[in-house]
Amino acid sequence: MPAEKRLLARRELTKYESIPIYYYTEKDSLNRITVLKEAGKESYLVAGRYVGVNDDARQYNPLSDEERGEVEKLLKIRSRDAAISFL
């Protein structure tokens, strides 16, 4: 059974920078992972792999624990004091 899709409401997108950051993992180097940086802060939201959109939200597939660790490591290299959260 496929993992449940996570939703990110469009109204919440306004608090993030307009250009997302994309990362690729060793496990799946073809499908990128979307990371949103909060405007004016060192805070990142790892949304997951983009699936599509519905009426009022973007849909993302969640990451495995291994992929979460890999993305977290990449973000810590970028900014050591960054706050990282997952959708």
PDB file of N, CA and C in Angstrom:
ATOM      1  N   MET A   1       0.844  -1.180   0.000  1.00  0.00           N
ATOM      2  CA  MET A   1       0.000   0.000   0.000  1.00  0.00           C
ATOM      3  C   MET A   1       0.892   1.247   0.000  1.00  0.00           C
ATOM      4  N   PRO A   2       0.669   2.192  -0.921  1.00  0.00           N
ATOM      5  CA  PRO A   2       1.510   3.392  -0.978  1.00  0.00           C
ATOM      6  C   PRO A   2       1.327   4.274   0.250  1.00  0.00           C
ATOM      7  N   ALA A   3       2.382   5.019   0.568  1.00  0.00           N
ATOM      8  CA  ALA A   3       2.335   5.916   1.719  1.00  0.00           C
ATOM      9  C   ALA A   3       1.328   7.031   1.459  1.00  0.00           C
ATOM     10  N   GLU A   4       0.738   7.503   2.538  1.00  0.00           N
ATOM     11  CA  GLU A   4      -0.242   8.575   2.434  1.00  0.00           C
ATOM     12  C   GLU A   4       0.435   9.878   2.013  1.00  0.00           C
ATOM     13  N   LYS A   5      -0.194  10.588   1.109  1.00  0.00           N
ATOM     14  CA  LYS A   5       0.359  11.863   0.647  1.00  0.00           C
ATOM     15  C   LYS A   5       0.187  12.925   1.728  1.00  0.00           C
ATOM     16  N   ARG A   6       1.186  13.796   1.857  1.00  0.00           N
ATOM     17  CA  ARG A   6       1.123  14.904   2.811  1.00  0.00           C
ATOM     18  C   ARG A   6       0.700  16.155   2.057  1.00  0.00           C
ATOM     19  N   LEU A   7      -0.097  16.992   2.699  1.00  0.00           N
ATOM     20  CA  LEU A   7      -0.607  18.201   2.058  1.00  0.00           C
ATOM     21  C   LEU A   7       0.039  19.444   2.645  1.00  0.00           C
ATOM     22  N   LEU A   8       0.350  20.396   1.781  1.00  0.00           N
ATOM     23  CA  LEU A   8       0.862  21.701   2.190  1.00  0.00           C
ATOM     24  C   LEU A   8      -0.084  22.739   1.601  1.00  0.00           C
ATOM     25  N   ALA A   9      -0.842  23.403   2.482  1.00  0.00           N
ATOM     26  CA  ALA A   9      -1.856  24.366   2.050  1.00  0.00           C
ATOM     27  C   ALA A   9      -1.223  25.540   1.310  1.00  0.00           C
ATOM     28  N   ARG A  10      -1.902  26.012   0.295  1.00  0.00           N
ATOM     29  CA  ARG A  10      -1.391  27.141  -0.496  1.00  0.00           C
ATOM     30  C   ARG A  10      -1.213  28.392   0.355  1.00  0.00           C
ATOM     31  N   ARG A  11      -2.084  28.612   1.317  1.00  0.00           N
ATOM     32  CA  ARG A  11      -1.982  29.812   2.156  1.00  0.00           C
ATOM     33  C   ARG A  11      -0.713  29.793   3.008  1.00  0.00           C
ATOM     34  N   GLU A  12      -0.171  28.600   3.290  1.00  0.00           N
ATOM     35  CA  GLU A  12       1.070  28.493   4.057  1.00  0.00           C
ATOM     36  C   GLU A  12       2.308  28.772   3.204  1.00  0.00           C
ATOM     37  N   LEU A  13       2.186  28.660   1.905  1.00  0.00           N
ATOM     38  CA  LEU A  13       3.327  28.875   1.009  1.00  0.00           C
ATOM     39  C   LEU A  13       3.840  30.313   1.055  1.00  0.00           C
ATOM     40  N   THR A  14       3.006  31.253   1.457  1.00  0.00           N
ATOM     41  CA  THR A  14       3.409  32.662   1.468  1.00  0.00           C
ATOM     42  C   THR A  14       4.520  32.951   2.471  1.00  0.00           C
ATOM     43  N   LYS A  15       4.666  32.123   3.492  1.00  0.00           N
ATOM     44  CA  LYS A  15       5.713  32.384   4.483  1.00  0.00           C
ATOM     45  C   LYS A  15       7.078  31.822   4.071  1.00  0.00           C
ATOM     46  N   TYR A  16       7.135  31.156   2.926  1.00  0.00           N
ATOM     47  CA  TYR A  16       8.391  30.594   2.425  1.00  0.00           C
ATOM     48  C   TYR A  16       8.879  31.374   1.211  1.00  0.00           C
ATOM     49  N   GLU A  17      10.183  31.311   0.959  1.00  0.00           N
ATOM     50  CA  GLU A  17      10.747  31.962  -0.226  1.00  0.00           C
ATOM     51  C   GLU A  17      10.131  31.358  -1.483  1.00  0.00           C
ATOM     52  N   SER A  18      10.043  32.161  -2.529  1.00  0.00           N
ATOM     53  CA  SER A  18       9.337  31.723  -3.739  1.00  0.00           C
ATOM     54  C   SER A  18      10.090  30.660  -4.541  1.00  0.00           C
ATOM     55  N   ILE A  19      11.412  30.574  -4.365  1.00  0.00           N
ATOM     56  CA  ILE A  19      12.199  29.578  -5.096  1.00  0.00           C
ATOM     57  C   ILE A  19      12.613  28.464  -4.132  1.00  0.00           C
ATOM     58  N   PRO A  20      12.096  27.243  -4.342  1.00  0.00           N
ATOM     59  CA  PRO A  20      12.459  26.137  -3.451  1.00  0.00           C
ATOM     60  C   PRO A  20      13.870  25.623  -3.716  1.00  0.00           C
ATOM     61  N   ILE A  21      14.354  24.831  -2.783  1.00  0.00           N
ATOM     62  CA  ILE A  21      15.641  24.146  -2.913  1.00  0.00           C
ATOM     63  C   ILE A  21      15.310  22.692  -3.242  1.00  0.00           C
ATOM     64  N   TYR A  22      16.066  22.099  -4.138  1.00  0.00           N
ATOM     65  CA  TYR A  22      15.837  20.703  -4.498  1.00  0.00           C
ATOM     66  C   TYR A  22      17.063  19.870  -4.163  1.00  0.00           C
ATOM     67  N   TYR A  23      16.813  18.695  -3.597  1.00  0.00           N
ATOM     68  CA  TYR A  23      17.881  17.746  -3.298  1.00  0.00           C
ATOM     69  C   TYR A  23      17.535  16.401  -3.923  1.00  0.00           C
ATOM     70  N   TYR A  24      18.559  15.652  -4.221  1.00  0.00           N
ATOM     71  CA  TYR A  24      18.410  14.290  -4.735  1.00  0.00           C
ATOM     72  C   TYR A  24      19.120  13.357  -3.768  1.00  0.00           C
ATOM     73  N   THR A  25      18.611  12.143  -3.618  1.00  0.00           N
ATOM     74  CA  THR A  25      19.236  11.174  -2.724  1.00  0.00           C
ATOM     75  C   THR A  25      19.836  10.031  -3.534  1.00  0.00           C
ATOM     76  N   GLU A  26      20.713   9.283  -2.891  1.00  0.00           N
ATOM     77  CA  GLU A  26      21.312   8.118  -3.555  1.00  0.00           C
ATOM     78  C   GLU A  26      20.253   7.080  -3.890  1.00  0.00           C
ATOM     79  N   LYS A  27      19.269   6.936  -3.024  1.00  0.00           N
ATOM     80  CA  LYS A  27      18.232   5.926  -3.201  1.00  0.00           C
ATOM     81  C   LYS A  27      17.381   6.199  -4.446  1.00  0.00           C
ATOM     82  N   ASP A  28      17.071   7.468  -4.694  1.00  0.00           N
ATOM     83  CA  ASP A  28      16.234   7.837  -5.832  1.00  0.00           C
ATOM     84  C   ASP A  28      16.780   9.124  -6.443  1.00  0.00           C
ATOM     85  N   SER A  29      17.720   8.969  -7.340  1.00  0.00           N
ATOM     86  CA  SER A  29      18.394  10.140  -7.908  1.00  0.00           C
ATOM     87  C   SER A  29      17.614  10.782  -9.054  1.00  0.00           C
ATOM     88  N   LEU A  30      16.464  10.230  -9.409  1.00  0.00           N
ATOM     89  CA  LEU A  30      15.668  10.802 -10.490  1.00  0.00           C
ATOM     90  C   LEU A  30      14.583  11.747  -9.989  1.00  0.00           C
ATOM     91  N   ASN A  31      14.051  11.478  -8.817  1.00  0.00           N
ATOM     92  CA  ASN A  31      12.956  12.276  -8.275  1.00  0.00           C
ATOM     93  C   ASN A  31      13.460  13.188  -7.171  1.00  0.00           C
ATOM     94  N   ARG A  32      13.319  14.469  -7.383  1.00  0.00           N
ATOM     95  CA  ARG A  32      13.873  15.435  -6.442  1.00  0.00           C
ATOM     96  C   ARG A  32      12.993  15.621  -5.209  1.00  0.00           C
ATOM     97  N   ILE A  33      13.635  16.079  -4.156  1.00  0.00           N
ATOM     98  CA  ILE A  33      12.974  16.359  -2.886  1.00  0.00           C
ATOM     99  C   ILE A  33      12.866  17.871  -2.753  1.00  0.00           C
ATOM    100  N   THR A  34      11.676  18.348  -2.441  1.00  0.00           N
ATOM    101  CA  THR A  34      11.432  19.782  -2.315  1.00  0.00           C
ATOM    102  C   THR A  34      11.684  20.236  -0.887  1.00  0.00           C
ATOM    103  N   VAL A  35      12.501  21.286  -0.753  1.00  0.00           N
ATOM    104  CA  VAL A  35      12.788  21.901   0.546  1.00  0.00           C
ATOM    105  C   VAL A  35      12.445  23.379   0.428  1.00  0.00           C
ATOM    106  N   LEU A  36      11.646  23.873   1.375  1.00  0.00           N
ATOM    107  CA  LEU A  36      11.248  25.278   1.376  1.00  0.00           C
ATOM    108  C   LEU A  36      11.950  26.002   2.509  1.00  0.00           C
ATOM    109  N   LYS A  37      12.501  27.179   2.211  1.00  0.00           N
ATOM    110  CA  LYS A  37      13.191  27.991   3.217  1.00  0.00           C
ATOM    111  C   LYS A  37      12.255  29.106   3.644  1.00  0.00           C
ATOM    112  N   GLU A  38      12.086  29.238   4.956  1.00  0.00           N
ATOM    113  CA  GLU A  38      11.225  30.290   5.480  1.00  0.00           C
ATOM    114  C   GLU A  38      11.873  31.649   5.217  1.00  0.00           C
ATOM    115  N   ALA A  39      11.089  32.589   4.737  1.00  0.00           N
ATOM    116  CA  ALA A  39      11.599  33.913   4.362  1.00  0.00           C
ATOM    117  C   ALA A  39      12.182  34.626   5.578  1.00  0.00           C
ATOM    118  N   GLY A  40      13.430  35.077   5.442  1.00  0.00           N
ATOM    119  CA  GLY A  40      14.084  35.853   6.487  1.00  0.00           C
ATOM    120  C   GLY A  40      14.574  35.059   7.677  1.00  0.00           C
ATOM    121  N   LYS A  41      14.529  33.736   7.615  1.00  0.00           N
ATOM    122  CA  LYS A  41      14.943  32.896   8.742  1.00  0.00           C
ATOM    123  C   LYS A  41      15.803  31.744   8.252  1.00  0.00           C
ATOM    124  N   GLU A  42      16.520  31.138   9.169  1.00  0.00           N
ATOM    125  CA  GLU A  42      17.287  29.921   8.862  1.00  0.00           C
ATOM    126  C   GLU A  42      16.452  28.710   9.278  1.00  0.00           C
ATOM    127  N   SER A  43      15.279  28.614   8.707  1.00  0.00           N
ATOM    128  CA  SER A  43      14.342  27.545   9.014  1.00  0.00           C
ATOM    129  C   SER A  43      13.891  26.903   7.705  1.00  0.00           C
ATOM    130  N   TYR A  44      13.955  25.573   7.659  1.00  0.00           N
ATOM    131  CA  TYR A  44      13.641  24.840   6.435  1.00  0.00           C
ATOM    132  C   TYR A  44      12.525  23.833   6.684  1.00  0.00           C
ATOM    133  N   LEU A  45      11.639  23.691   5.694  1.00  0.00           N
ATOM    134  CA  LEU A  45      10.604  22.671   5.715  1.00  0.00           C
ATOM    135  C   LEU A  45      10.907  21.698   4.582  1.00  0.00           C
ATOM    136  N   VAL A  46      11.173  20.449   4.941  1.00  0.00           N
ATOM    137  CA  VAL A  46      11.405  19.405   3.945  1.00  0.00           C
ATOM    138  C   VAL A  46      10.030  18.835   3.606  1.00  0.00           C
ATOM    139  N   ALA A  47       9.522  19.185   2.427  1.00  0.00           N
ATOM    140  CA  ALA A  47       8.164  18.802   2.049  1.00  0.00           C
ATOM    141  C   ALA A  47       8.088  17.348   1.585  1.00  0.00           C
ATOM    142  N   GLY A  48       9.083  16.880   0.870  1.00  0.00           N
ATOM    143  CA  GLY A  48       9.067  15.518   0.334  1.00  0.00           C
ATOM    144  C   GLY A  48       9.111  15.561  -1.178  1.00  0.00           C
ATOM    145  N   ARG A  49       8.652  14.494  -1.805  1.00  0.00           N
ATOM    146  CA  ARG A  49       8.634  14.422  -3.270  1.00  0.00           C
ATOM    147  C   ARG A  49       7.276  14.894  -3.783  1.00  0.00           C
ATOM    148  N   TYR A  50       7.297  15.886  -4.651  1.00  0.00           N
ATOM    149  CA  TYR A  50       6.077  16.482  -5.195  1.00  0.00           C
ATOM    150  C   TYR A  50       5.292  15.452  -5.993  1.00  0.00           C
ATOM    151  N   VAL A  51       3.976  15.391  -5.723  1.00  0.00           N
ATOM    152  CA  VAL A  51       3.102  14.456  -6.418  1.00  0.00           C
ATOM    153  C   VAL A  51       2.137  15.196  -7.333  1.00  0.00           C
ATOM    154  N   GLY A  52       1.565  16.270  -6.829  1.00  0.00           N
ATOM    155  CA  GLY A  52       0.569  17.007  -7.602  1.00  0.00           C
ATOM    156  C   GLY A  52      -0.065  18.081  -6.744  1.00  0.00           C
ATOM    157  N   VAL A  53      -1.195  18.549  -7.204  1.00  0.00           N
ATOM    158  CA  VAL A  53      -1.888  19.625  -6.506  1.00  0.00           C
ATOM    159  C   VAL A  53      -3.384  19.321  -6.515  1.00  0.00           C
ATOM    160  N   ASN A  54      -4.072  19.732  -5.458  1.00  0.00           N
ATOM    161  CA  ASN A  54      -5.528  19.667  -5.470  1.00  0.00           C
ATOM    162  C   ASN A  54      -6.049  21.096  -5.339  1.00  0.00           C
ATOM    163  N   ASP A  55      -7.300  21.288  -5.010  1.00  0.00           N
ATOM    164  CA  ASP A  55      -7.903  22.626  -5.007  1.00  0.00           C
ATOM    165  C   ASP A  55      -7.167  23.637  -4.142  1.00  0.00           C
ATOM    166  N   ASP A  56      -6.726  23.239  -2.960  1.00  0.00           N
ATOM    167  CA  ASP A  56      -6.123  24.227  -2.059  1.00  0.00           C
ATOM    168  C   ASP A  56      -4.820  23.771  -1.411  1.00  0.00           C
ATOM    169  N   ALA A  57      -4.156  22.779  -1.978  1.00  0.00           N
ATOM    170  CA  ALA A  57      -2.903  22.311  -1.367  1.00  0.00           C
ATOM    171  C   ALA A  57      -2.025  21.584  -2.391  1.00  0.00           C
ATOM    172  N   ARG A  58      -0.725  21.607  -2.119  1.00  0.00           N
ATOM    173  CA  ARG A  58       0.227  20.791  -2.878  1.00  0.00           C
ATOM    174  C   ARG A  58       0.348  19.448  -2.175  1.00  0.00           C
ATOM    175  N   GLN A  59       0.567  18.394  -2.941  1.00  0.00           N
ATOM    176  CA  GLN A  59       0.676  17.051  -2.384  1.00  0.00           C
ATOM    177  C   GLN A  59       2.110  16.549  -2.523  1.00  0.00           C
ATOM    178  N   TYR A  60       2.607  15.952  -1.434  1.00  0.00           N
ATOM    179  CA  TYR A  60       3.972  15.427  -1.408  1.00  0.00           C
ATOM    180  C   TYR A  60       3.969  14.022  -0.825  1.00  0.00           C
ATOM    181  N   ASN A  61       4.836  13.167  -1.356  1.00  0.00           N
ATOM    182  CA  ASN A  61       5.067  11.854  -0.760  1.00  0.00           C
ATOM    183  C   ASN A  61       6.104  12.017   0.344  1.00  0.00           C
ATOM    184  N   PRO A  62       5.865  11.409   1.508  1.00  0.00           N
ATOM    185  CA  PRO A  62       6.834  11.520   2.604  1.00  0.00           C
ATOM    186  C   PRO A  62       8.117  10.745   2.296  1.00  0.00           C
ATOM    187  N   LEU A  63       9.176  11.084   3.021  1.00  0.00           N
ATOM    188  CA  LEU A  63      10.480  10.447   2.832  1.00  0.00           C
ATOM    189  C   LEU A  63      10.666   9.301   3.814  1.00  0.00           C
ATOM    190  N   SER A  64      11.535   8.372   3.450  1.00  0.00           N
ATOM    191  CA  SER A  64      11.914   7.301   4.371  1.00  0.00           C
ATOM    192  C   SER A  64      12.853   7.887   5.423  1.00  0.00           C
ATOM    193  N   ASP A  65      13.071   7.163   6.497  1.00  0.00           N
ATOM    194  CA  ASP A  65      13.971   7.633   7.558  1.00  0.00           C
ATOM    195  C   ASP A  65      15.388   7.841   7.028  1.00  0.00           C
ATOM    196  N   GLU A  66      15.825   6.960   6.150  1.00  0.00           N
ATOM    197  CA  GLU A  66      17.164   7.068   5.553  1.00  0.00           C
ATOM    198  C   GLU A  66      17.286   8.358   4.730  1.00  0.00           C
ATOM    199  N   GLU A  67      16.267   8.640   3.934  1.00  0.00           N
ATOM    200  CA  GLU A  67      16.276   9.854   3.114  1.00  0.00           C
ATOM    201  C   GLU A  67      16.194  11.108   3.974  1.00  0.00           C
ATOM    202  N   ARG A  68      15.416  11.054   5.035  1.00  0.00           N
ATOM    203  CA  ARG A  68      15.328  12.189   5.961  1.00  0.00           C
ATOM    204  C   ARG A  68      16.701  12.526   6.524  1.00  0.00           C
ATOM    205  N   GLY A  69      17.420  11.502   6.938  1.00  0.00           N
ATOM    206  CA  GLY A  69      18.755  11.702   7.490  1.00  0.00           C
ATOM    207  C   GLY A  69      19.707  12.299   6.469  1.00  0.00           C
ATOM    208  N   GLU A  70      19.612  11.825   5.237  1.00  0.00           N
ATOM    209  CA  GLU A  70      20.484  12.321   4.172  1.00  0.00           C
ATOM    210  C   GLU A  70      20.213  13.802   3.873  1.00  0.00           C
ATOM    211  N   VAL A  71      18.936  14.179   3.781  1.00  0.00           N
ATOM    212  CA  VAL A  71      18.575  15.572   3.503  1.00  0.00           C
ATOM    213  C   VAL A  71      18.942  16.465   4.686  1.00  0.00           C
ATOM    214  N   GLU A  72      18.718  15.968   5.889  1.00  0.00           N
ATOM    215  CA  GLU A  72      19.069  16.748   7.083  1.00  0.00           C
ATOM    216  C   GLU A  72      20.573  17.035   7.115  1.00  0.00           C
ATOM    217  N   LYS A  73      21.368  16.036   6.752  1.00  0.00           N
ATOM    218  CA  LYS A  73      22.825  16.211   6.713  1.00  0.00           C
ATOM    219  C   LYS A  73      23.217  17.276   5.686  1.00  0.00           C
ATOM    220  N   LEU A  74      22.588  17.248   4.507  1.00  0.00           N
ATOM    221  CA  LEU A  74      22.870  18.238   3.468  1.00  0.00           C
ATOM    222  C   LEU A  74      22.480  19.650   3.906  1.00  0.00           C
ATOM    223  N   LEU A  75      21.369  19.769   4.613  1.00  0.00           N
ATOM    224  CA  LEU A  75      20.940  21.086   5.086  1.00  0.00           C
ATOM    225  C   LEU A  75      21.854  21.608   6.187  1.00  0.00           C
ATOM    226  N   LYS A  76      22.353  20.726   7.038  1.00  0.00           N
ATOM    227  CA  LYS A  76      23.268  21.140   8.107  1.00  0.00           C
ATOM    228  C   LYS A  76      24.601  21.614   7.525  1.00  0.00           C
ATOM    229  N   ILE A  77      25.019  21.051   6.401  1.00  0.00           N
ATOM    230  CA  ILE A  77      26.227  21.524   5.726  1.00  0.00           C
ATOM    231  C   ILE A  77      25.995  22.948   5.224  1.00  0.00           C
ATOM    232  N   ARG A  78      24.821  23.184   4.708  1.00  0.00           N
ATOM    233  CA  ARG A  78      24.458  24.501   4.172  1.00  0.00           C
ATOM    234  C   ARG A  78      24.381  25.557   5.274  1.00  0.00           C
ATOM    235  N   SER A  79      23.776  25.196   6.405  1.00  0.00           N
ATOM    236  CA  SER A  79      23.611  26.134   7.514  1.00  0.00           C
ATOM    237  C   SER A  79      23.568  25.333   8.811  1.00  0.00           C
ATOM    238  N   ARG A  80      24.650  25.405   9.579  1.00  0.00           N
ATOM    239  CA  ARG A  80      24.778  24.572  10.780  1.00  0.00           C
ATOM    240  C   ARG A  80      23.690  24.815  11.817  1.00  0.00           C
ATOM    241  N   ASP A  81      23.230  26.059  11.938  1.00  0.00           N
ATOM    242  CA  ASP A  81      22.254  26.402  12.969  1.00  0.00           C
ATOM    243  C   ASP A  81      20.813  26.372  12.466  1.00  0.00           C
ATOM    244  N   ALA A  82      20.580  25.785  11.329  1.00  0.00           N
ATOM    245  CA  ALA A  82      19.247  25.788  10.731  1.00  0.00           C
ATOM    246  C   ALA A  82      18.270  24.931  11.526  1.00  0.00           C
ATOM    247  N   ALA A  83      17.030  25.411  11.592  1.00  0.00           N
ATOM    248  CA  ALA A  83      15.931  24.627  12.154  1.00  0.00           C
ATOM    249  C   ALA A  83      15.304  23.859  10.991  1.00  0.00           C
ATOM    250  N   ILE A  84      15.188  22.547  11.154  1.00  0.00           N
ATOM    251  CA  ILE A  84      14.692  21.703  10.071  1.00  0.00           C
ATOM    252  C   ILE A  84      13.446  20.973  10.544  1.00  0.00           C
ATOM    253  N   SER A  85      12.381  21.049   9.740  1.00  0.00           N
ATOM    254  CA  SER A  85      11.162  20.310  10.050  1.00  0.00           C
ATOM    255  C   SER A  85      10.726  19.546   8.803  1.00  0.00           C
ATOM    256  N   PHE A  86       9.924  18.522   9.014  1.00  0.00           N
ATOM    257  CA  PHE A  86       9.456  17.674   7.918  1.00  0.00           C
ATOM    258  C   PHE A  86       7.941  17.728   7.850  1.00  0.00           C
ATOM    259  N   LEU A  87       7.417  17.727   6.629  1.00  0.00           N
ATOM    260  CA  LEU A  87       5.979  17.765   6.411  1.00  0.00           C
ATOM    261  C   LEU A  87       5.369  16.436   6.794  1.00  0.00           C
TER     262      LEU A  87
END
